[in-house]
Each structure stands twice: as structure tokens, then as C-alpha cells.
N, C-alpha and C. Protein backbone atom coordinates (compact mmCIF):
# COMPACT_ATOMS: atom_id res chain seq x y z
N MET A 1 0.71 -1.30 -0.05
CA MET A 1 -0.02 0.09 -0.17
C MET A 1 0.97 1.31 -0.13
N ALA A 2 0.45 2.37 -0.52
CA ALA A 2 1.13 3.52 -0.64
C ALA A 2 1.33 4.18 0.57
N ASP A 3 2.41 4.97 0.85
CA ASP A 3 2.54 5.74 1.98
C ASP A 3 1.98 7.08 1.63
N TYR A 4 0.85 7.50 1.98
CA TYR A 4 0.11 8.60 1.46
C TYR A 4 0.25 9.38 2.78
N ARG A 5 0.85 10.82 2.45
CA ARG A 5 1.03 11.82 3.54
C ARG A 5 0.18 13.10 3.10
N ARG A 6 -0.40 13.49 3.80
CA ARG A 6 -1.12 14.98 3.40
C ARG A 6 0.04 16.09 3.76
N TRP A 7 -0.08 16.98 2.86
CA TRP A 7 0.90 18.14 3.17
C TRP A 7 0.16 19.14 3.88
N LEU A 8 0.88 19.33 5.28
CA LEU A 8 0.23 20.19 6.22
C LEU A 8 1.05 21.66 6.18
N VAL A 9 0.34 22.58 6.10
CA VAL A 9 0.89 24.00 5.87
C VAL A 9 0.15 25.07 6.70
N PRO A 10 0.69 25.31 7.72
CA PRO A 10 0.06 26.32 8.68
C PRO A 10 -0.51 27.47 8.04
N GLY A 11 -1.62 28.00 8.21
CA GLY A 11 -1.98 29.02 7.36
C GLY A 11 -2.39 28.97 6.23
N GLY A 12 -2.28 27.54 5.72
CA GLY A 12 -2.49 27.51 4.07
C GLY A 12 -3.95 27.59 3.44
N THR A 13 -3.86 27.53 2.43
CA THR A 13 -4.89 27.42 1.42
C THR A 13 -5.19 26.17 0.90
N PHE A 14 -6.23 25.81 0.86
CA PHE A 14 -6.35 24.11 0.26
C PHE A 14 -7.78 24.20 -0.44
N PHE A 15 -7.88 23.54 -1.63
CA PHE A 15 -8.77 22.86 -2.35
C PHE A 15 -9.03 21.64 -1.95
N PHE A 16 -10.53 21.29 -1.92
CA PHE A 16 -11.09 20.12 -1.63
C PHE A 16 -12.06 19.50 -2.57
N THR A 17 -12.23 18.44 -2.44
CA THR A 17 -13.25 17.66 -3.24
C THR A 17 -13.87 16.58 -2.02
N VAL A 18 -14.96 16.82 -1.61
CA VAL A 18 -15.65 15.90 -0.68
C VAL A 18 -16.97 15.08 -1.52
N VAL A 19 -16.89 13.85 -1.42
CA VAL A 19 -17.85 13.00 -1.92
C VAL A 19 -18.93 12.35 -1.33
N THR A 20 -20.04 12.15 -1.53
CA THR A 20 -21.20 11.45 -0.78
C THR A 20 -20.79 9.85 -0.72
N TYR A 21 -21.28 9.04 0.13
CA TYR A 21 -20.99 7.44 -0.23
C TYR A 21 -21.89 7.08 -1.08
N ALA A 22 -21.32 6.34 -1.91
CA ALA A 22 -22.11 5.68 -3.10
C ALA A 22 -22.57 6.74 -4.07
N ARG A 23 -21.98 7.92 -3.99
CA ARG A 23 -22.56 8.95 -4.71
C ARG A 23 -24.11 9.32 -4.85
N ARG A 24 -24.46 8.99 -3.55
CA ARG A 24 -25.87 9.51 -3.52
C ARG A 24 -25.95 11.08 -3.56
N PRO A 25 -27.42 11.42 -4.39
CA PRO A 25 -27.43 12.74 -4.54
C PRO A 25 -28.14 13.69 -3.39
N ILE A 26 -27.50 13.61 -2.29
CA ILE A 26 -28.47 14.29 -1.08
C ILE A 26 -27.95 15.48 -0.91
N LEU A 27 -26.97 16.26 -1.53
CA LEU A 27 -26.40 17.60 -0.95
C LEU A 27 -27.33 18.58 -1.28
N ILE A 28 -27.92 18.58 -2.43
CA ILE A 28 -28.46 19.81 -3.00
C ILE A 28 -30.13 19.74 -2.61
N THR A 29 -30.51 18.70 -1.80
CA THR A 29 -31.83 18.76 -1.21
C THR A 29 -31.99 19.78 -0.15
N ASP A 30 -33.16 20.38 0.30
CA ASP A 30 -33.38 21.45 1.19
C ASP A 30 -32.69 21.11 2.48
N ASP A 31 -32.82 19.69 2.99
CA ASP A 31 -32.20 19.41 4.28
C ASP A 31 -30.65 19.07 4.13
N GLY A 32 -30.21 18.92 3.21
CA GLY A 32 -28.68 18.77 2.71
C GLY A 32 -28.05 19.70 2.69
N ARG A 33 -28.75 20.82 2.07
CA ARG A 33 -27.98 22.12 2.33
C ARG A 33 -28.11 22.79 3.54
N ARG A 34 -29.12 22.62 3.97
CA ARG A 34 -29.39 23.26 5.54
C ARG A 34 -28.43 22.86 6.19
N PHE A 35 -28.17 21.34 6.41
CA PHE A 35 -27.28 20.65 7.20
C PHE A 35 -25.89 20.87 7.10
N LEU A 36 -25.54 21.05 5.86
CA LEU A 36 -24.11 21.22 5.62
C LEU A 36 -23.80 22.79 6.02
N ARG A 37 -24.44 23.78 5.81
CA ARG A 37 -24.55 25.01 6.14
C ARG A 37 -24.55 25.07 7.57
N ASN A 38 -25.09 24.33 8.48
CA ASN A 38 -25.26 24.49 9.80
C ASN A 38 -23.81 23.80 10.34
N ALA A 39 -23.56 22.67 9.62
CA ALA A 39 -22.29 22.06 10.21
C ALA A 39 -20.92 22.97 10.04
N ILE A 40 -20.85 23.73 8.93
CA ILE A 40 -19.97 24.65 8.38
C ILE A 40 -19.85 25.58 9.57
N ARG A 41 -20.73 26.37 9.83
CA ARG A 41 -21.07 27.32 10.67
C ARG A 41 -20.56 26.76 12.27
N SER A 42 -20.92 25.63 12.60
CA SER A 42 -20.63 25.06 13.87
C SER A 42 -19.25 24.76 13.80
N VAL A 43 -18.54 24.19 12.91
CA VAL A 43 -17.02 24.02 12.97
C VAL A 43 -16.41 25.28 12.99
N GLN A 44 -16.62 26.27 11.92
CA GLN A 44 -15.89 27.58 11.99
C GLN A 44 -16.03 28.40 13.32
N ALA A 45 -17.10 28.07 14.33
CA ALA A 45 -17.13 28.79 15.41
C ALA A 45 -16.06 28.22 16.47
N ARG A 46 -15.85 26.84 16.38
CA ARG A 46 -14.72 26.29 17.21
C ARG A 46 -13.51 26.37 16.67
N HIS A 47 -13.48 26.15 15.20
CA HIS A 47 -11.98 26.19 14.59
C HIS A 47 -12.14 27.11 13.35
N PRO A 48 -11.92 28.40 13.60
CA PRO A 48 -12.24 29.03 12.56
C PRO A 48 -11.51 28.60 11.12
N PHE A 49 -12.20 29.31 10.06
CA PHE A 49 -11.40 29.08 8.78
C PHE A 49 -12.12 30.25 7.82
N SER A 50 -11.57 30.34 6.38
CA SER A 50 -12.33 31.22 5.50
C SER A 50 -12.68 30.27 4.56
N LEU A 51 -14.01 30.38 3.90
CA LEU A 51 -14.34 29.80 2.87
C LEU A 51 -14.40 30.57 1.67
N ILE A 52 -13.22 30.37 1.08
CA ILE A 52 -12.93 31.28 0.00
C ILE A 52 -14.10 31.23 -1.34
N ALA A 53 -13.96 29.89 -1.65
CA ALA A 53 -15.00 29.38 -2.89
C ALA A 53 -15.52 27.99 -2.58
N THR A 54 -16.75 28.06 -3.23
CA THR A 54 -17.43 26.85 -2.76
C THR A 54 -18.61 26.50 -3.98
N VAL A 55 -18.70 25.21 -4.28
CA VAL A 55 -19.87 24.72 -5.11
C VAL A 55 -20.55 23.60 -4.39
N LEU A 56 -21.79 23.35 -4.59
CA LEU A 56 -22.40 22.25 -3.81
C LEU A 56 -23.32 21.55 -5.19
N LEU A 57 -22.72 20.39 -5.38
CA LEU A 57 -23.50 19.35 -6.23
C LEU A 57 -24.30 18.35 -5.80
N PRO A 58 -25.15 17.65 -6.65
CA PRO A 58 -25.96 16.60 -5.82
C PRO A 58 -25.09 15.59 -5.04
N ASP A 59 -24.03 15.15 -5.39
CA ASP A 59 -23.24 14.04 -4.72
C ASP A 59 -21.50 14.57 -4.46
N HIS A 60 -21.30 15.85 -4.60
CA HIS A 60 -19.86 15.97 -4.12
C HIS A 60 -19.91 17.61 -4.01
N TRP A 61 -18.90 17.94 -3.17
CA TRP A 61 -18.75 19.44 -2.68
C TRP A 61 -17.35 19.67 -2.92
N HIS A 62 -17.22 21.03 -3.79
CA HIS A 62 -15.69 21.53 -3.90
C HIS A 62 -15.65 22.77 -3.05
N LEU A 63 -14.34 22.89 -2.39
CA LEU A 63 -14.40 24.26 -1.71
C LEU A 63 -13.01 24.68 -1.59
N VAL A 64 -12.64 25.81 -1.41
CA VAL A 64 -11.38 26.26 -0.98
C VAL A 64 -11.57 26.80 0.31
N MET A 65 -10.69 26.44 1.40
CA MET A 65 -10.48 26.83 2.49
C MET A 65 -9.28 27.52 2.90
N GLN A 66 -9.32 28.70 3.65
CA GLN A 66 -8.07 29.14 4.31
C GLN A 66 -8.04 28.97 5.73
N LEU A 67 -6.79 28.38 6.26
CA LEU A 67 -6.85 28.32 7.53
C LEU A 67 -6.00 29.58 8.25
N PRO A 68 -6.00 29.65 9.52
CA PRO A 68 -5.77 30.86 10.44
C PRO A 68 -4.15 30.72 10.45
N PRO A 69 -3.19 31.49 10.62
CA PRO A 69 -1.75 31.38 10.79
C PRO A 69 -1.53 30.34 11.91
N ARG A 70 -0.35 29.58 11.92
CA ARG A 70 -0.22 28.69 12.78
C ARG A 70 -1.02 27.55 12.83
N ASP A 71 -2.04 27.38 11.89
CA ASP A 71 -2.94 26.16 12.18
C ASP A 71 -2.83 25.36 10.84
N ASP A 72 -2.82 24.04 10.97
CA ASP A 72 -2.71 23.35 9.73
C ASP A 72 -3.71 22.08 9.94
N ARG A 73 -4.62 22.55 10.84
CA ARG A 73 -5.68 21.20 11.05
C ARG A 73 -6.79 21.20 10.05
N TYR A 74 -6.76 21.18 8.82
CA TYR A 74 -7.68 21.08 7.87
C TYR A 74 -8.48 19.73 7.89
N SER A 75 -7.82 18.62 8.15
CA SER A 75 -8.53 17.09 8.46
C SER A 75 -9.60 17.32 9.51
N LEU A 76 -9.09 17.88 10.62
CA LEU A 76 -9.93 18.20 11.71
C LEU A 76 -11.26 18.68 11.40
N ARG A 77 -11.20 19.88 10.46
CA ARG A 77 -12.50 20.52 10.22
C ARG A 77 -13.14 19.65 9.41
N MET A 78 -12.63 19.00 8.16
CA MET A 78 -13.33 18.33 7.16
C MET A 78 -14.04 17.02 8.16
N LYS A 79 -13.32 16.46 8.96
CA LYS A 79 -13.87 15.44 9.70
C LYS A 79 -15.10 15.89 10.45
N GLN A 80 -15.10 17.15 11.28
CA GLN A 80 -15.97 17.44 12.16
C GLN A 80 -17.33 17.92 11.30
N ILE A 81 -17.00 18.68 10.12
CA ILE A 81 -18.12 18.87 9.27
C ILE A 81 -18.82 17.87 8.84
N LYS A 82 -18.27 16.71 8.27
CA LYS A 82 -18.79 15.70 7.99
C LYS A 82 -19.74 14.66 9.05
N ALA A 83 -19.14 14.84 10.40
CA ALA A 83 -19.77 14.07 11.25
C ALA A 83 -21.01 15.12 11.85
N GLU A 84 -20.96 16.18 11.80
CA GLU A 84 -22.11 16.87 12.16
C GLU A 84 -23.11 16.95 10.99
N PHE A 85 -22.74 16.97 9.89
CA PHE A 85 -23.84 16.86 8.78
C PHE A 85 -24.49 15.44 8.93
N SER A 86 -23.74 14.55 9.13
CA SER A 86 -24.48 12.87 9.34
C SER A 86 -25.18 12.86 10.40
N GLU A 87 -25.03 13.54 11.67
CA GLU A 87 -25.62 13.57 12.78
C GLU A 87 -26.81 14.24 12.31
N GLN A 88 -26.96 15.42 11.76
CA GLN A 88 -28.28 16.16 11.51
C GLN A 88 -29.10 15.11 10.66
N TRP A 89 -28.41 14.83 9.60
CA TRP A 89 -29.00 14.05 8.38
C TRP A 89 -29.80 12.73 9.22
N LEU A 90 -29.09 12.01 9.88
CA LEU A 90 -29.87 10.78 10.52
C LEU A 90 -30.99 11.14 11.65
N LYS A 91 -30.64 12.33 12.50
CA LYS A 91 -31.66 12.66 13.31
C LYS A 91 -32.99 13.20 12.80
N ALA A 92 -32.71 13.72 11.42
CA ALA A 92 -34.00 14.07 10.57
C ALA A 92 -34.75 12.87 10.20
N GLY A 93 -34.05 11.70 10.31
CA GLY A 93 -34.85 10.41 9.70
C GLY A 93 -34.37 10.05 8.58
N HIS A 94 -33.35 10.73 7.82
CA HIS A 94 -33.15 10.24 6.46
C HIS A 94 -32.30 9.01 6.57
N SER A 95 -32.08 8.13 5.56
CA SER A 95 -31.37 6.81 5.63
C SER A 95 -29.86 7.23 5.14
N GLU A 96 -29.25 6.15 5.22
CA GLU A 96 -27.79 6.10 5.01
C GLU A 96 -27.57 4.98 3.93
N ALA A 97 -26.67 4.71 3.12
CA ALA A 97 -26.40 3.60 2.34
C ALA A 97 -25.85 2.69 3.23
N PRO A 98 -26.06 1.50 3.00
CA PRO A 98 -25.76 0.36 3.56
C PRO A 98 -24.27 0.35 3.52
N VAL A 99 -23.45 -0.16 4.59
CA VAL A 99 -21.95 -0.06 4.44
C VAL A 99 -21.85 -1.71 4.81
N THR A 100 -20.39 -2.07 4.56
CA THR A 100 -19.85 -3.40 4.89
C THR A 100 -19.84 -3.97 6.51
N ALA A 101 -19.77 -4.90 7.04
CA ALA A 101 -19.55 -5.07 8.37
C ALA A 101 -18.16 -4.45 8.82
N PHE A 102 -17.25 -4.71 8.06
CA PHE A 102 -15.93 -4.04 8.46
C PHE A 102 -16.04 -2.79 8.46
N GLN A 103 -16.68 -1.99 7.48
CA GLN A 103 -16.93 -0.51 7.57
C GLN A 103 -17.72 -0.15 8.78
N ARG A 104 -18.65 -0.73 9.25
CA ARG A 104 -19.42 -0.29 10.48
C ARG A 104 -18.53 -0.49 11.71
N LYS A 105 -17.84 -1.47 11.70
CA LYS A 105 -16.75 -1.75 12.75
C LYS A 105 -15.57 -0.69 13.01
N ARG A 106 -15.31 -0.02 11.79
CA ARG A 106 -14.44 1.25 12.10
C ARG A 106 -15.16 2.31 12.14
N GLY A 107 -16.54 2.36 12.33
CA GLY A 107 -17.20 3.41 12.29
C GLY A 107 -17.69 4.28 11.46
N GLU A 108 -17.63 3.73 10.21
CA GLU A 108 -18.09 4.47 9.04
C GLU A 108 -19.44 4.13 8.63
N ARG A 109 -19.62 5.18 8.15
CA ARG A 109 -21.37 5.54 8.09
C ARG A 109 -21.61 5.38 6.46
N GLY A 110 -22.73 5.37 5.88
CA GLY A 110 -23.24 5.16 4.38
C GLY A 110 -23.54 6.69 4.24
N ILE A 111 -22.87 7.81 4.68
CA ILE A 111 -23.39 9.22 4.06
C ILE A 111 -22.35 9.80 3.39
N TRP A 112 -20.99 9.66 3.77
CA TRP A 112 -19.86 10.42 3.05
C TRP A 112 -18.78 9.20 2.72
N GLN A 113 -18.20 9.52 1.58
CA GLN A 113 -16.85 8.55 1.46
C GLN A 113 -15.91 8.96 2.74
N THR A 114 -15.12 7.97 2.99
CA THR A 114 -14.13 8.48 4.23
C THR A 114 -13.16 9.38 4.00
N ARG A 115 -12.52 9.23 3.04
CA ARG A 115 -11.42 10.27 2.51
C ARG A 115 -11.78 11.56 1.74
N PHE A 116 -10.96 12.25 1.58
CA PHE A 116 -11.60 13.57 0.69
C PHE A 116 -9.97 13.61 -0.15
N TRP A 117 -10.38 14.49 -1.13
CA TRP A 117 -9.16 14.76 -1.99
C TRP A 117 -8.87 16.17 -1.88
N GLU A 118 -7.52 16.55 -1.49
CA GLU A 118 -6.89 17.91 -1.18
C GLU A 118 -5.86 18.11 -1.97
N HIS A 119 -5.73 19.58 -2.33
CA HIS A 119 -4.95 20.02 -2.89
C HIS A 119 -4.15 21.43 -2.36
N SER A 120 -2.91 21.55 -2.00
CA SER A 120 -2.65 22.79 -1.28
C SER A 120 -2.54 23.77 -2.42
N VAL A 121 -2.94 24.84 -2.08
CA VAL A 121 -2.99 25.95 -3.14
C VAL A 121 -1.54 26.76 -3.01
N ARG A 122 -0.66 26.77 -4.23
CA ARG A 122 0.75 27.54 -3.95
C ARG A 122 0.55 28.95 -4.26
N ASP A 123 -0.19 29.53 -4.96
CA ASP A 123 0.23 30.88 -5.03
C ASP A 123 -1.42 31.51 -5.74
N GLU A 124 -1.26 32.67 -5.87
CA GLU A 124 -2.55 33.48 -6.47
C GLU A 124 -3.14 32.85 -7.98
N MET A 125 -2.19 32.61 -8.61
CA MET A 125 -2.55 31.82 -9.99
C MET A 125 -3.23 30.64 -9.79
N ASP A 126 -2.66 29.76 -8.61
CA ASP A 126 -3.13 28.56 -8.33
C ASP A 126 -4.60 28.77 -8.03
N LEU A 127 -4.69 29.98 -6.91
CA LEU A 127 -6.16 30.10 -6.42
C LEU A 127 -7.14 30.20 -7.61
N GLU A 128 -6.62 31.16 -8.31
CA GLU A 128 -7.62 31.41 -9.60
C GLU A 128 -8.13 30.19 -10.24
N ARG A 129 -7.13 29.34 -10.66
CA ARG A 129 -7.42 28.05 -11.39
C ARG A 129 -8.59 27.22 -10.42
N CYS A 130 -8.01 27.41 -8.96
CA CYS A 130 -9.20 26.35 -8.19
C CYS A 130 -10.49 27.11 -8.14
N ALA A 131 -10.71 28.38 -8.12
CA ALA A 131 -11.80 28.97 -8.18
C ALA A 131 -12.57 28.56 -9.38
N ASP A 132 -11.83 28.98 -10.56
CA ASP A 132 -12.54 28.47 -11.81
C ASP A 132 -12.87 27.26 -11.92
N TYR A 133 -12.14 26.29 -11.60
CA TYR A 133 -12.52 24.82 -11.65
C TYR A 133 -13.82 24.97 -10.80
N ILE A 134 -13.87 25.23 -9.43
CA ILE A 134 -15.09 25.17 -8.66
C ILE A 134 -16.46 25.70 -9.43
N HIS A 135 -16.24 26.90 -9.78
CA HIS A 135 -17.29 27.56 -10.71
C HIS A 135 -17.78 26.95 -11.86
N TRP A 136 -16.71 26.17 -12.38
CA TRP A 136 -17.18 25.55 -13.76
C TRP A 136 -17.76 24.28 -13.61
N ASN A 137 -17.69 23.76 -12.41
CA ASN A 137 -18.07 22.29 -12.30
C ASN A 137 -19.68 22.04 -12.54
N PRO A 138 -20.52 23.00 -12.26
CA PRO A 138 -21.73 22.69 -12.59
C PRO A 138 -22.04 22.43 -14.23
N ARG A 139 -21.24 23.13 -14.85
CA ARG A 139 -21.14 23.05 -16.37
C ARG A 139 -20.41 21.72 -16.71
N LYS A 140 -19.48 21.60 -15.97
CA LYS A 140 -18.56 20.18 -16.55
C LYS A 140 -19.45 19.05 -16.32
N HIS A 141 -20.15 19.00 -15.31
CA HIS A 141 -21.32 17.93 -15.06
C HIS A 141 -22.63 18.18 -15.78
N ARG A 142 -22.66 19.04 -16.60
CA ARG A 142 -23.80 19.18 -17.58
C ARG A 142 -25.40 19.41 -16.77
N LEU A 143 -25.13 20.30 -15.46
CA LEU A 143 -26.01 20.53 -14.79
C LEU A 143 -26.91 21.89 -15.15
N VAL A 144 -26.01 22.79 -15.85
CA VAL A 144 -26.86 24.08 -16.51
C VAL A 144 -25.60 24.18 -17.56
N ASP A 145 -26.33 25.23 -18.52
CA ASP A 145 -25.93 25.60 -19.75
C ASP A 145 -24.72 26.76 -19.44
N ARG A 146 -25.18 27.39 -18.38
CA ARG A 146 -24.19 28.65 -18.06
C ARG A 146 -24.10 28.58 -16.48
N VAL A 147 -23.09 29.16 -16.20
CA VAL A 147 -22.37 28.90 -14.75
C VAL A 147 -23.27 29.73 -13.89
N ARG A 148 -23.66 30.96 -14.37
CA ARG A 148 -24.72 31.83 -13.46
C ARG A 148 -25.93 31.21 -13.07
N ASP A 149 -26.20 30.06 -13.79
CA ASP A 149 -27.58 29.41 -13.49
C ASP A 149 -27.42 28.53 -12.55
N TRP A 150 -26.21 28.07 -11.89
CA TRP A 150 -26.09 27.26 -10.82
C TRP A 150 -26.13 27.86 -9.42
N ARG A 151 -27.38 27.85 -8.53
CA ARG A 151 -27.61 28.32 -7.51
C ARG A 151 -26.62 28.19 -6.15
N TRP A 152 -26.22 26.90 -6.20
CA TRP A 152 -25.35 26.79 -4.90
C TRP A 152 -23.96 26.68 -5.32
N SER A 153 -23.41 28.24 -5.31
CA SER A 153 -22.07 28.30 -5.82
C SER A 153 -21.65 29.56 -5.22
N SER A 154 -20.34 29.89 -4.95
CA SER A 154 -20.10 31.02 -4.88
C SER A 154 -19.88 32.10 -5.87
N PHE A 155 -20.14 31.68 -7.00
CA PHE A 155 -19.93 32.39 -8.36
C PHE A 155 -20.55 33.71 -8.31
N HIS A 156 -21.73 33.89 -7.73
CA HIS A 156 -22.13 35.30 -7.54
C HIS A 156 -21.72 36.04 -6.73
N ARG A 157 -21.04 35.71 -5.57
CA ARG A 157 -20.19 36.70 -4.75
C ARG A 157 -18.91 37.16 -5.31
N PHE A 158 -18.46 36.21 -6.26
CA PHE A 158 -17.28 36.45 -7.09
C PHE A 158 -17.78 37.53 -8.18
N VAL A 159 -18.77 37.45 -8.71
CA VAL A 159 -19.35 38.35 -9.74
C VAL A 159 -19.49 39.82 -9.18
N ALA A 160 -19.97 39.92 -7.83
CA ALA A 160 -20.06 41.03 -7.09
C ALA A 160 -19.10 41.59 -6.85
N LEU A 161 -17.89 40.99 -6.39
CA LEU A 161 -16.73 41.34 -6.08
C LEU A 161 -16.02 41.96 -7.41
N GLY A 162 -16.44 41.41 -8.57
CA GLY A 162 -15.70 41.85 -9.74
C GLY A 162 -14.61 40.84 -10.23
N HIS A 163 -14.73 39.74 -9.83
CA HIS A 163 -13.60 38.68 -10.18
C HIS A 163 -14.05 38.03 -11.46
N TYR A 164 -15.25 38.03 -11.83
CA TYR A 164 -16.01 37.55 -13.01
C TYR A 164 -16.93 38.52 -13.46
N ASN A 165 -17.14 38.33 -15.03
CA ASN A 165 -18.24 38.95 -15.51
C ASN A 165 -19.48 37.87 -15.37
N ILE A 166 -20.71 38.45 -15.30
CA ILE A 166 -21.86 37.67 -15.11
C ILE A 166 -21.93 36.35 -16.22
N ASP A 167 -21.59 36.72 -17.28
CA ASP A 167 -21.56 35.60 -18.30
C ASP A 167 -20.46 34.76 -18.42
N TRP A 168 -19.39 34.85 -17.51
CA TRP A 168 -18.35 34.04 -17.62
C TRP A 168 -18.73 32.53 -17.30
N GLY A 169 -18.22 31.51 -18.18
CA GLY A 169 -18.73 30.32 -18.05
C GLY A 169 -19.91 30.02 -18.99
N GLY A 170 -20.35 30.94 -20.05
CA GLY A 170 -21.57 30.77 -20.85
C GLY A 170 -21.34 29.60 -21.75
N ALA A 171 -21.98 29.08 -22.86
CA ALA A 171 -21.92 28.26 -23.79
C ALA A 171 -20.60 28.26 -24.47
N ALA A 172 -19.53 29.31 -24.58
CA ALA A 172 -18.54 29.37 -25.40
C ALA A 172 -17.20 29.37 -24.43
N GLN A 173 -17.75 29.18 -23.26
CA GLN A 173 -16.15 29.37 -22.42
C GLN A 173 -15.25 28.12 -22.29
N LYS A 174 -14.32 27.91 -21.78
CA LYS A 174 -13.33 27.18 -21.77
C LYS A 174 -13.84 25.61 -22.02
N ASP A 175 -13.24 24.75 -22.44
CA ASP A 175 -13.34 23.21 -22.70
C ASP A 175 -13.27 22.55 -21.35
N THR A 176 -14.03 22.02 -20.54
CA THR A 176 -13.93 21.39 -19.46
C THR A 176 -12.77 20.45 -19.35
N GLU A 177 -12.15 20.19 -20.29
CA GLU A 177 -10.69 19.52 -20.17
C GLU A 177 -9.70 20.38 -19.77
N ASP A 178 -9.88 21.60 -19.68
CA ASP A 178 -8.83 22.61 -19.40
C ASP A 178 -8.50 22.43 -17.87
N PHE A 179 -9.73 21.90 -17.09
CA PHE A 179 -9.61 21.87 -15.76
C PHE A 179 -9.73 20.64 -15.07
N ASP A 180 -9.39 19.38 -15.91
CA ASP A 180 -9.11 18.12 -15.44
C ASP A 180 -8.09 17.86 -14.81
N TRP A 181 -8.12 17.76 -13.25
CA TRP A 181 -6.90 17.51 -12.50
C TRP A 181 -6.60 15.68 -12.35
N GLY A 182 -7.94 14.96 -12.61
CA GLY A 182 -7.89 13.68 -12.02
C GLY A 182 -8.50 13.43 -10.51
N GLU A 183 -9.02 14.39 -9.90
CA GLU A 183 -9.32 14.13 -8.55
C GLU A 183 -10.65 12.95 -8.99
N PRO A 184 -10.95 12.50 -7.57
CA PRO A 184 -12.01 11.61 -7.49
C PRO A 184 -13.24 12.13 -7.88
N GLU A 185 -13.97 12.07 -9.02
CA GLU A 185 -15.17 12.39 -9.32
C GLU A 185 -16.07 11.71 -10.01
């Protein structure tokens, strides 16, 4: 087995892909959105971080998170967000996908995939590339014809701040292959 180690950078900025277990399309339901928002706020109150860019799709979530100086514990934050979401999801009476006996023994649930994909943002140009990928993702998955038509994205905040034109990501925008990094989707 490969010896996988995450790169921990105090005060770093990180791009994440977090996927639901068995790709269940639960995240853009009313409860899914509310529970994720609640979990993010709760974890931010205990372990501050900035949510730079985000997009919520039916079965996965992309985000860019910036940590405070001298703090490199993004895994703690992701684990707690997923745990709080799961607790709310189950408490509301929603189901989870079946898991194996081995997974159950390890404490795994059928709501989120156990791992997540992360990328350490290297510089301003890399941050722009990550934000573009996040905002382009609904187009990549053919959920909308124009980026601006996807409601669950930080795209409109970026437009308001002058980072994008409202028509960015229209039908003539970059080919989706320009953003394919090979992350688990």
C-alpha cells in the first residue's frame, strides 16, 4: 500500500473535493444544504477558517478553505463538518447507504466517502485556477448551460466582487478538459 501523507501548511489555503457515499445525490436537497451550512458554521465557530470559494453539487462538494496562521488542521475541520452533517441527517430520519460489516466496525457510515481529495494552493494563480474549476463544475457535469444558472455556488459572490463577468462560463467558455486534474469525481 502506498505511504500517503497529506501536506500540512500552517495558515495554508486548500482546495477540497468531498464526495457522498455511493455518490448519493443528497447534498442539494433542502435538508442537505441546511445541514451542511449548519455544520460549516458550527465548525467555524470552534475552529475558524475562511471559505474562499465553494460549489455544492448533488453528490459532491468542492471548496477552497484558508486556515488561520499557525494552524494546519484542515483534516479536523473536514472530519467534524462531515460528522455534524451526518448527525443532523440521521436525526432528521434520513437514511444512509448500506456499509459492510468491516466499515461499520471501523465507525464508518453510509453518508460520506471516508476520505477527501485535497490540493495545497501554491500561489495566487493557483487559487484563481481552483476558483475557476469550482465555479465551472456545474457546467462540467452538464447541470446547467451557464455557470450563473447554478444556485449553490460562490460564483455570484465572485461576480459581485468583480472577479468574474456574469457571463463567465457561458456556452462558449473554456473546454472542461482544461480543468481536469484527475481528482475523484
